[in-house]
Protein backbone atom coordinates (compact mmCIF):
# COMPACT_ATOMS: atom_id res chain seq x y z
CA MET A 1 70.18 33.58 76.02
CA LEU A 2 70.43 37.69 75.68
CA TYR A 3 71.08 37.77 79.78
CA ARG A 4 73.84 34.36 79.37
CA VAL A 5 75.99 37.06 77.06
CA LEU A 6 75.79 40.09 78.76
CA CYS A 7 76.94 38.48 81.69
CA ILE A 8 79.54 36.72 79.62
CA SER A 9 80.28 40.31 78.19
CA VAL A 10 80.31 41.91 81.49
CA VAL A 11 82.98 38.97 83.31
CA ALA A 12 85.05 39.53 79.89
CA ALA A 13 85.40 43.53 80.35
CA LEU A 14 86.14 43.20 83.99
CA SER A 15 88.53 40.05 83.29
CA GLN A 16 90.16 43.08 80.72
CA VAL A 17 90.53 45.40 83.15
CA ALA A 18 91.97 43.20 85.91
CA SER A 19 94.57 41.88 83.26
CA SER A 20 95.56 45.30 82.26
CA ILE A 21 95.99 46.76 85.97
CA ALA A 22 98.13 44.12 87.23
CA PRO A 23 101.27 44.98 84.61
CA ALA A 24 100.53 48.70 85.18
CA GLU A 25 101.02 48.60 89.16
CA ASP A 26 104.01 46.43 88.39
CA ALA A 27 105.42 49.22 85.99
CA PHE A 28 104.39 51.47 88.57
CA ALA A 29 106.17 50.09 91.58
CA SER A 30 109.26 48.93 90.34
CA VAL A 31 110.40 53.05 89.06
CA VAL A 32 110.02 54.15 92.24
CA SER A 33 113.26 55.51 93.49
CA GLU A 34 114.14 55.67 97.45
CA ALA A 35 117.27 57.57 96.30
CA ASP A 36 115.52 59.83 94.60
CA LEU A 37 112.95 60.68 97.19
CA ARG A 38 115.76 61.32 99.35
CA ARG A 39 117.47 63.68 97.01
CA TYR A 40 114.40 65.74 96.74
CA VAL A 41 114.00 65.97 100.23
CA ARG A 42 117.69 67.42 100.19
CA GLU A 43 117.32 69.64 97.62
CA LEU A 44 114.23 71.33 98.67
CA VAL A 45 114.95 72.22 102.51
CA ALA A 46 118.60 73.32 100.80
CA PHE A 47 116.09 76.42 99.64
CA GLY A 48 115.18 77.12 103.55
CA PRO A 49 111.92 77.14 104.87
CA ARG A 50 109.89 77.65 101.74
CA MET A 51 107.15 79.57 103.25
CA GLY A 52 104.77 81.41 100.97
CA GLY A 53 105.91 84.60 99.34
CA THR A 54 109.73 84.57 100.29
CA PRO A 55 113.16 83.74 98.26
CA SER A 56 113.09 80.43 99.44
CA ASN A 57 109.43 79.82 98.06
CA ASP A 58 110.78 81.88 94.58
CA LYS A 59 113.38 79.04 94.33
CA SER A 60 111.50 76.18 95.47
CA SER A 61 108.54 76.81 93.27
CA ALA A 62 111.14 77.18 90.02
CA TYR A 63 112.79 73.81 90.88
CA LEU A 64 109.32 72.10 90.81
CA SER A 65 108.37 73.57 87.55
CA ALA A 66 111.15 72.38 86.08
CA PHE A 67 111.21 69.02 87.56
CA PHE A 68 107.88 68.51 86.28
CA LYS A 69 108.25 70.11 82.71
CA LYS A 70 110.93 67.34 82.65
CA GLN A 71 108.81 64.98 83.23
CA GLY A 72 106.77 65.92 80.14
CA LEU A 73 104.28 67.23 82.22
CA GLU A 74 101.88 70.61 80.80
CA VAL A 75 102.80 73.45 83.98
CA ILE A 76 101.60 76.53 85.73
CA THR A 77 102.48 78.43 88.49
CA GLN A 78 99.84 80.19 90.28
CA GLU A 79 99.69 83.15 92.79
CA ASP A 80 98.22 83.81 95.99
CA PRO A 81 96.81 87.31 96.81
CA PRO A 82 99.41 89.13 98.68
CA ALA A 83 99.96 88.49 102.65
CA LEU A 84 102.79 89.38 104.52
CA ALA A 85 105.51 86.90 104.55
CA HIS A 86 108.45 86.52 107.09
CA TRP A 87 111.52 84.90 106.65
CA GLU A 88 114.95 85.04 109.24
CA HIS A 89 118.47 85.21 107.24
CA SER A 90 120.70 84.89 110.54
CA TRP A 91 120.56 84.94 114.38
CA ARG A 92 122.50 84.49 117.60
CA VAL A 93 121.83 83.85 120.99
CA ALA A 94 124.64 83.52 123.72
CA LEU A 95 125.23 83.83 127.41
CA GLU A 96 127.81 86.54 128.41
CA ASP A 97 130.92 84.06 127.87
CA GLY A 98 130.16 83.42 124.24
CA ALA A 99 128.27 80.17 125.32
CA VAL A 100 126.13 79.84 121.91
CA ILE A 101 122.93 78.31 122.80
CA GLU A 102 122.29 76.50 119.77
CA SER A 103 118.99 75.25 119.85
CA ALA A 104 117.33 78.83 119.61
CA TYR A 105 115.60 79.94 116.63
CA PRO A 106 113.31 82.45 116.36
CA PHE A 107 109.81 83.00 116.44
CA GLY A 108 107.95 84.10 113.37
CA PHE A 109 107.42 87.79 112.56
CA SER A 110 110.02 88.91 114.95
CA PRO A 111 111.89 91.98 114.28
CA SER A 112 115.25 92.35 113.31
CA THR A 113 117.76 93.61 116.34
CA GLY A 114 120.22 96.00 114.13
CA SER A 115 123.07 95.76 116.62
CA PRO A 116 123.02 92.70 118.77
CA ARG A 117 120.83 93.61 121.97
CA ILE A 118 122.68 92.57 125.51
CA GLY A 119 120.84 92.45 129.01
CA LYS A 120 120.81 90.57 131.76
CA LEU A 121 118.55 87.47 131.79
CA LEU A 122 115.36 87.47 133.73
CA LEU A 123 113.76 84.18 134.78
CA VAL A 124 109.49 84.68 134.53
CA GLU A 125 108.39 81.30 135.45
CA ASN A 126 105.19 82.24 134.05
CA LEU A 127 104.37 85.20 131.56
CA GLY A 128 100.68 84.49 131.36
CA THR A 129 100.09 85.31 134.94
CA THR A 130 102.82 87.60 135.65
CA ALA A 131 102.05 91.53 135.24
CA PRO A 132 104.64 93.04 133.01
CA VAL A 133 106.66 95.49 135.57
CA ASP A 134 109.64 98.28 135.10
CA GLU A 135 111.93 95.78 135.99
CA TRP A 136 111.41 93.77 132.16
CA ARG A 137 112.94 97.09 130.38
CA GLY A 138 116.07 95.97 128.40
CA ARG A 139 116.24 92.54 129.77
CA ILE A 140 116.24 89.17 128.25
CA ILE A 141 113.83 86.94 129.75
CA TYR A 142 113.54 83.44 129.85
CA THR A 143 110.44 81.56 130.62
CA PRO A 144 109.90 77.81 130.16
CA GLY A 145 106.34 78.34 129.36
CA ASP A 146 104.40 79.72 126.35
CA VAL A 147 104.55 83.12 125.17
CA GLY A 148 101.23 83.24 123.60
CA ARG A 149 98.77 85.98 124.62
CA ALA A 150 101.32 87.30 127.03
CA TYR A 151 103.30 89.00 124.19
CA GLY A 152 100.41 91.31 123.39
CA ALA A 153 100.18 92.24 127.14
CA ILE A 154 103.82 92.93 127.59
CA VAL A 155 103.87 95.26 124.52
CA LYS A 156 101.24 96.84 125.61
CA SER A 157 102.53 97.58 129.21
CA GLY A 158 105.85 100.16 127.83
CA PHE A 159 107.92 97.76 129.32
CA LEU A 160 109.76 96.22 126.83
CA PRO A 161 112.39 93.53 127.13
CA ALA A 162 115.16 93.51 124.73
CA ALA A 163 113.77 89.61 124.28
CA ILE A 164 112.35 86.84 125.02
CA LEU A 165 113.18 83.00 125.17
CA THR A 166 111.14 80.20 125.64
CA SER A 167 111.51 76.37 125.99
CA ALA A 168 107.72 75.65 125.68
CA PRO A 169 106.69 73.28 125.74
CA ASN A 170 109.27 72.62 128.57
CA ASP A 171 108.91 68.98 128.89
CA PRO A 172 111.75 66.69 129.87
CA LYS A 173 110.73 63.97 127.33
CA ARG A 174 110.02 66.26 123.96
CA TYR A 175 112.09 68.60 122.45
CA VAL A 176 115.01 67.80 125.04
CA ASP A 177 118.05 69.05 122.27
CA TRP A 178 116.04 70.58 119.68
CA SER A 179 113.20 73.40 120.19
CA ARG A 180 109.42 73.58 119.22
CA LEU A 181 108.97 76.64 116.55
CA SER A 182 106.22 78.91 116.82
CA SER A 183 105.37 81.92 115.49
CA LEU A 184 103.72 85.64 116.42
CA SER A 185 100.92 87.11 114.62
CA ALA A 186 101.59 88.53 110.94
CA SER A 187 102.91 92.03 111.64
CA ALA A 188 106.09 94.15 110.83
CA SER A 189 105.51 96.24 113.67
CA HIS A 190 106.67 93.81 116.64
CA PRO A 191 109.31 95.24 118.63
CA VAL A 192 110.52 92.37 120.62
CA PRO A 193 111.87 89.46 119.10
CA VAL A 194 111.20 85.97 120.82
CA PHE A 195 113.03 82.73 120.37
CA SER A 196 112.76 79.44 120.83
CA VAL A 197 115.12 76.88 122.84
CA SER A 198 115.07 73.32 123.66
CA TYR A 199 114.85 71.62 127.31
CA VAL A 200 118.13 71.62 128.18
CA ASP A 201 119.24 74.83 126.56
CA GLY A 202 116.21 76.13 129.23
CA ARG A 203 117.67 74.86 132.06
CA SER A 204 120.91 76.52 131.38
CA LEU A 205 119.22 79.79 130.88
CA ALA A 206 116.93 79.32 134.10
CA SER A 207 120.72 78.92 135.89
CA ALA A 208 122.45 81.88 134.62
CA ALA A 209 118.96 84.27 135.39
CA ARG A 210 119.46 82.53 138.58
CA ALA A 211 123.08 83.76 139.14
CA GLY A 212 122.75 87.21 137.16
CA ARG A 213 124.07 86.61 134.28
CA SER A 214 124.09 88.34 130.70
CA ALA A 215 123.48 86.95 127.43
CA SER A 216 122.96 88.93 124.11
CA VAL A 217 120.52 88.14 121.33
CA SER A 218 121.00 89.60 117.53
CA LEU A 219 118.17 88.19 114.82
CA ASP A 220 118.24 89.93 111.08
CA SER A 221 115.43 89.16 109.36
CA THR A 222 112.59 90.56 106.68
CA VAL A 223 109.01 91.21 107.10
CA HIS A 224 107.30 91.80 103.53
CA GLU A 225 103.94 91.59 101.70
CA GLY A 226 104.47 88.77 99.27
CA ARG A 227 102.72 86.49 96.83
CA GLY A 228 103.09 82.59 97.47
CA LYS A 229 103.67 80.46 94.43
CA THR A 230 102.20 77.55 93.96
CA VAL A 231 102.77 75.02 90.97
CA VAL A 232 100.73 72.58 89.38
CA ALA A 233 101.74 70.34 86.78
CA THR A 234 99.02 68.06 84.54
CA LEU A 235 99.30 64.33 83.21
CA GLN A 236 96.97 64.35 80.65
CA GLY A 237 94.20 61.61 80.59
CA THR A 238 92.26 60.15 77.82
CA GLU A 239 89.07 61.77 78.43
CA PRO A 240 88.94 65.09 79.03
CA GLY A 241 87.29 66.98 81.84
CA PRO A 242 87.25 64.98 85.50
CA TYR A 243 90.71 64.89 87.03
CA TYR A 244 92.23 63.99 90.15
CA LEU A 245 94.67 66.09 92.54
CA VAL A 246 97.48 64.92 94.05
CA CYS A 247 98.86 67.54 96.19
CA ALA A 248 101.29 68.84 99.29
CA HIS A 249 102.02 71.74 101.11
CA GLY A 250 105.31 73.29 100.02
CA ASP A 251 106.12 75.40 103.25
CA SER A 252 107.66 74.44 105.89
CA ASP A 253 104.98 75.74 107.68
CA SER A 254 106.64 76.24 111.21
CA GLY A 255 109.25 78.59 109.57
CA GLY A 256 112.07 75.74 110.20
CA PRO A 257 114.19 73.25 108.33
CA GLY A 258 110.52 71.30 107.74
CA ALA A 259 112.33 68.17 105.85
CA ASP A 260 109.31 65.89 107.29
CA ASP A 261 106.84 68.92 107.48
CA ASN A 262 107.00 69.38 104.67
CA ALA A 263 109.53 68.13 102.29
CA SER A 264 108.81 64.75 102.56
CA GLY A 265 104.81 65.46 101.55
CA VAL A 266 106.24 67.32 98.16
CA ALA A 267 108.89 64.50 97.32
CA THR A 268 106.27 61.98 97.48
CA VAL A 269 103.87 64.01 94.74
CA MET A 270 107.02 64.44 92.55
CA GLU A 271 107.92 60.93 92.69
CA ILE A 272 104.27 59.55 91.85
CA ALA A 273 104.76 62.04 88.99
CA ARG A 274 107.56 61.30 88.14
CA ALA A 275 107.18 57.30 88.39
CA TYR A 276 103.60 57.61 86.94
CA ALA A 277 105.43 59.17 83.87
CA THR A 278 108.11 56.94 83.16
CA ALA A 279 105.85 53.87 83.30
CA ILE A 280 103.55 55.46 80.43
CA LYS A 281 106.61 56.57 78.49
CA SER A 282 107.97 52.87 79.27
CA GLY A 283 104.62 51.33 77.53
CA LYS A 284 103.80 49.06 80.32
CA ALA A 285 101.22 51.43 81.87
CA PRO A 286 98.30 53.22 79.90
CA ARG A 287 97.58 56.78 80.19
CA PRO A 288 95.16 57.24 82.67
CA ARG A 289 91.19 57.94 81.70
CA TYR A 290 91.08 61.19 83.65
CA SER A 291 93.67 63.61 83.99
CA ILE A 292 96.14 63.43 87.42
CA ARG A 293 96.90 67.31 88.25
CA PHE A 294 100.00 67.52 90.75
CA ALA A 295 99.61 70.44 92.93
CA VAL A 296 102.79 71.78 95.43
CA TRP A 297 101.24 74.27 97.28
CA ALA A 298 102.67 77.69 98.50
CA SER A 299 100.98 77.81 101.63
CA GLU A 300 99.19 75.21 103.29
CA TYR A 301 95.48 75.83 103.47
CA ARG A 302 95.70 79.38 101.42
CA SER A 303 97.20 78.18 98.46
CA ALA A 304 94.37 75.34 98.41
CA ARG A 305 91.98 78.00 99.08
CA THR A 306 93.13 80.61 96.13
CA PHE A 307 92.88 76.96 93.64
CA ILE A 308 89.67 76.38 94.59
CA GLU A 309 88.41 79.98 94.02
CA LYS A 310 90.52 79.91 90.47
CA GLU A 311 89.14 76.79 89.33
CA GLY A 312 85.53 77.97 89.78
CA ASP A 313 83.19 75.68 88.00
CA GLN A 314 85.72 73.27 86.88
CA LEU A 315 85.60 72.08 90.47
CA ALA A 316 83.28 70.04 90.09
CA GLN A 317 85.48 68.09 87.76
CA LEU A 318 87.56 66.78 91.05
CA LYS A 319 87.10 63.23 91.40
CA GLY A 320 89.37 62.91 94.29
CA VAL A 321 92.38 64.51 96.57
CA PHE A 322 95.22 62.76 97.78
CA ASN A 323 97.25 65.34 99.99
CA PHE A 324 100.61 64.36 101.91
CA ASP A 325 101.51 65.39 104.87
CA GLU A 326 104.45 64.02 106.52
CA THR A 327 105.47 60.49 105.22
CA GLY A 328 108.86 61.14 106.11
CA THR A 329 108.94 60.14 109.79
CA GLY A 330 106.97 57.64 112.64
CA ALA A 331 108.38 57.73 116.39
CA GLU A 332 106.94 54.57 117.39
CA ARG A 333 105.09 52.54 114.48
CA ASP A 334 105.79 51.40 111.01
CA ALA A 335 102.24 52.35 109.49
CA ILE A 336 100.91 54.33 106.78
CA TYR A 337 97.41 55.98 107.44
CA PHE A 338 94.73 57.06 105.11
CA GLU A 339 92.15 59.76 106.90
CA SER A 340 88.65 61.00 107.31
CA ASN A 341 87.05 57.74 106.56
CA GLU A 342 83.60 59.05 108.36
CA VAL A 343 82.94 61.52 105.33
CA PRO A 344 80.68 59.57 103.41
CA TRP A 345 81.69 60.72 99.74
CA ASN A 346 85.22 59.22 100.53
CA GLU A 347 83.94 56.18 100.51
CA LYS A 348 85.28 54.92 97.04
CA ILE A 349 88.83 56.20 97.11
CA LEU A 350 89.60 55.20 100.91
CA ARG A 351 88.31 51.37 100.15
CA THR A 352 90.71 51.34 96.70
CA LEU A 353 93.46 52.77 99.17
CA GLU A 354 92.65 49.95 101.46
CA ALA A 355 92.31 47.46 99.20
CA VAL A 356 95.90 47.74 97.73
CA ALA A 357 97.35 48.26 100.86
CA ALA A 358 95.77 44.64 102.04
CA ASP A 359 96.98 43.02 98.38
CA TYR A 360 100.36 44.32 99.32
CA ALA A 361 100.99 44.18 102.51
CA GLY A 362 104.04 41.96 103.88
CA ARG A 363 105.90 42.39 100.57
CA PRO A 364 109.62 43.56 100.37
CA GLY A 365 109.18 47.02 99.72
CA PHE A 366 105.79 47.72 101.19
CA TRP A 367 104.35 48.11 104.35
CA THR A 368 102.94 45.99 107.26
CA GLU A 369 100.59 48.09 109.11
CA TYR A 370 97.95 50.22 107.69
CA THR A 371 94.81 51.98 108.22
CA THR A 372 91.85 54.55 107.59
CA ASN A 373 91.39 57.11 110.04
CA PRO A 374 88.53 59.73 111.33
CA SER A 375 89.90 63.07 110.34
CA GLN A 376 92.26 64.96 112.60
CA GLY A 377 91.92 68.32 110.69
CA GLY A 378 95.33 70.88 110.24
CA THR A 379 95.84 70.09 106.79
CA ASP A 380 95.14 70.69 103.15
CA SER A 381 92.70 67.86 102.07
CA TYR A 382 90.66 69.72 104.71
CA ALA A 383 90.29 72.73 102.41
CA PHE A 384 87.88 70.38 100.31
CA LEU A 385 85.82 69.26 103.21
CA PRO A 386 82.90 70.72 105.15
CA ARG A 387 83.43 71.94 108.76
CA LYS A 388 81.12 69.11 110.29
CA TYR A 389 84.34 66.70 109.05
CA ARG A 390 87.11 69.14 110.25
CA GLY A 391 87.31 71.09 107.13
CA GLN A 392 87.30 74.92 106.08
CA ASP A 393 84.19 75.08 103.70
CA TYR A 394 85.85 76.81 101.20
CA THR A 395 83.63 75.07 98.59
CA LYS A 396 80.18 73.10 99.17
CA LEU A 397 80.77 70.20 96.80
CA GLU A 398 81.22 66.71 97.54
CA ILE A 399 84.85 66.57 96.89
CA PRO A 400 86.28 62.93 97.76
CA ALA A 401 89.42 64.04 100.17
CA THR A 402 92.32 62.70 102.19
CA THR A 403 95.42 62.59 103.81
CA ILE A 404 97.92 59.99 103.61
CA TYR A 405 100.63 60.05 106.11
CA THR A 406 103.12 57.99 108.48
CA ALA A 407 102.90 60.29 111.50
CA ALA A 408 100.86 63.43 112.78
CA TRP A 409 101.39 65.93 115.50
CA ASP A 410 104.07 65.36 117.96
CA LYS A 411 102.65 63.12 120.62
CA LEU A 412 100.74 59.60 120.36
CA ALA A 413 97.05 59.69 119.17
CA GLU A 414 94.70 57.11 120.75
CA LEU A 415 91.52 57.40 117.80
CA ASP A 416 88.04 55.25 118.01
CA GLN A 417 87.96 53.51 114.70
CA THR A 418 84.80 54.62 112.48
CA ALA A 419 81.98 51.86 113.03
CA GLY A 420 82.49 49.76 109.68
CA TRP A 421 86.45 50.84 108.82
CA GLU A 422 88.07 48.18 111.27
CA SER A 423 91.16 47.28 109.21
CA LYS A 424 93.02 43.62 109.40
CA GLY A 425 95.84 46.04 109.18
CA SER A 426 95.87 47.84 112.52
CA ALA A 427 97.09 46.21 115.62
CA ASP A 428 93.71 46.92 117.20
CA PRO A 429 91.13 47.62 114.71
CA LYS A 430 88.72 49.63 116.93
CA LYS A 431 91.12 51.82 119.61
CA LEU A 432 93.63 53.00 116.50
CA ARG A 433 97.50 53.88 117.46
CA ILE A 434 98.10 57.43 115.07
CA ASP A 435 102.30 57.48 115.13
CA TYR A 436 103.57 60.89 115.42
CA SER A 437 106.99 62.67 114.78
CA LEU A 438 109.86 63.85 117.58
CA TYR A 439 110.42 66.62 115.73
CA TYR A 440 107.10 68.23 114.31
CA HIS A 441 107.66 71.85 114.21
CA SER A 442 110.95 71.74 115.27
CA SER A 443 114.71 72.95 114.49
CA ALA A 444 115.50 69.45 114.28
CA ASP A 445 113.10 68.10 111.29
CA THR A 446 116.09 67.69 109.19
CA PRO A 447 116.82 65.28 106.64
CA GLU A 448 119.41 63.61 108.83
CA ASN A 449 116.78 63.10 111.62
CA THR A 450 113.72 62.18 109.57
CA THR A 451 113.33 60.81 105.93
CA GLU A 452 117.21 59.87 105.89
CA ARG A 453 116.53 57.74 108.90
CA GLU A 454 113.50 56.24 107.04
CA PRO A 455 112.81 57.00 103.79
CA GLN A 456 110.58 53.64 102.99
CA ASN A 457 107.94 55.67 104.68
CA MET A 458 107.99 58.16 101.38
CA VAL A 459 108.30 55.24 99.15
CA ARG A 460 105.02 53.16 100.58
CA ALA A 461 103.17 56.64 100.42
CA VAL A 462 104.23 56.89 96.75
CA LYS A 463 103.53 53.50 95.75
CA VAL A 464 100.29 52.88 97.90
CA THR A 465 98.59 56.34 95.96
CA GLY A 466 100.26 55.17 92.63
CA LEU A 467 98.67 51.81 92.75
CA ALA A 468 94.88 53.10 93.93
CA LEU A 469 95.34 55.44 91.04
CA ILE A 470 95.56 53.20 88.69
CA ARG A 471 93.15 50.88 89.93
CA LEU A 472 90.64 54.24 90.36
CA ASN A 473 91.20 55.46 86.55
CA LEU A 474 91.71 53.01 84.06
């Protein structure tokens, strides 16, 4: 008899939880705003690249702090240790007839030129295998290849060109009309500015070099020690101690506009916070059992490490990390992905995300294709994971951590699915095709090219995570 009573009590309790979940999920999903997500991205991009320790990071952190406070959340700002930061105010690359190379974008940590530097163009097909010679002095070198380690060899040789222009990866199918961005090593003493250009502009520069034409370059840039500012906001739960972390890197780590990478991820964090707080205020969703912290990192990886170090013993209370990186576009597929399914302690949060995805797949305003996938590395969820799962070993704790995204890298990836994680939401459950961004780390990663074209991607990332948090946290 006692066993029967206990069973009835358990069933009743589960039924009560289930009955409270559905209205809460409806309340959350109904207030997610595509228009607001698009607006957040535009406003963030307007601040500039937002890299840690720069004036644009200062502006964006103030903006985010005000936003979270408006939602009724508790807000703190954490500062990273000092480090060199770069930002570029203005630049110009033009041929001798005044034709401007519109796609030109400076490498990070390139030096200011002062007055414009003018020199004859010189085509060097492969800087890495060509020894610097005296002829390079004062010339403006164009190369279709990578600059990479060749830069150090050029500086060491003393045969300093006025500037270097590169169209790497020089692929007629990628970065055609826009440039792939890069950076020199962190230093305030580089003597030669480097600029990326598009494949098409690279063809023009090669022709101009062969014709013996000249070009001019100018750059006004700053390299200075700064402290990145990370904004952390807390939606208090009903029980003290444990918490979930919802986060995204706030910087355009390439130094460009960074609409998809990663204003889209930041916008996703902002909208989850707003929608959750709104649903609670309306009385249609309960306050979460455990607190939810929303973090926008000043710098990818670096600021997550600062957070981990400052948390100390409190980090053991972290029940799961939901990181967002590139939720604003997708070149070939219409899918949403949940990363790191081979990490054993990720199972609970990933099974929850997968269950939400399956329950809502195909409904208007949601998604069609979805899947978990093995780790690929390269974003802030890996700050919380060990090296054997592509992590950084910043902590030895087994903290569940996933990245939710709609595109990764700059070309289609094929991954073998982790055994036991084959998903009905994927076209091929065993051989995954991971979508990518045409504008990854490029001068064309603008709202017009990414988030304005596919704002539904951010909406989906907000909804799947918010609904998963409700299921995990009642």
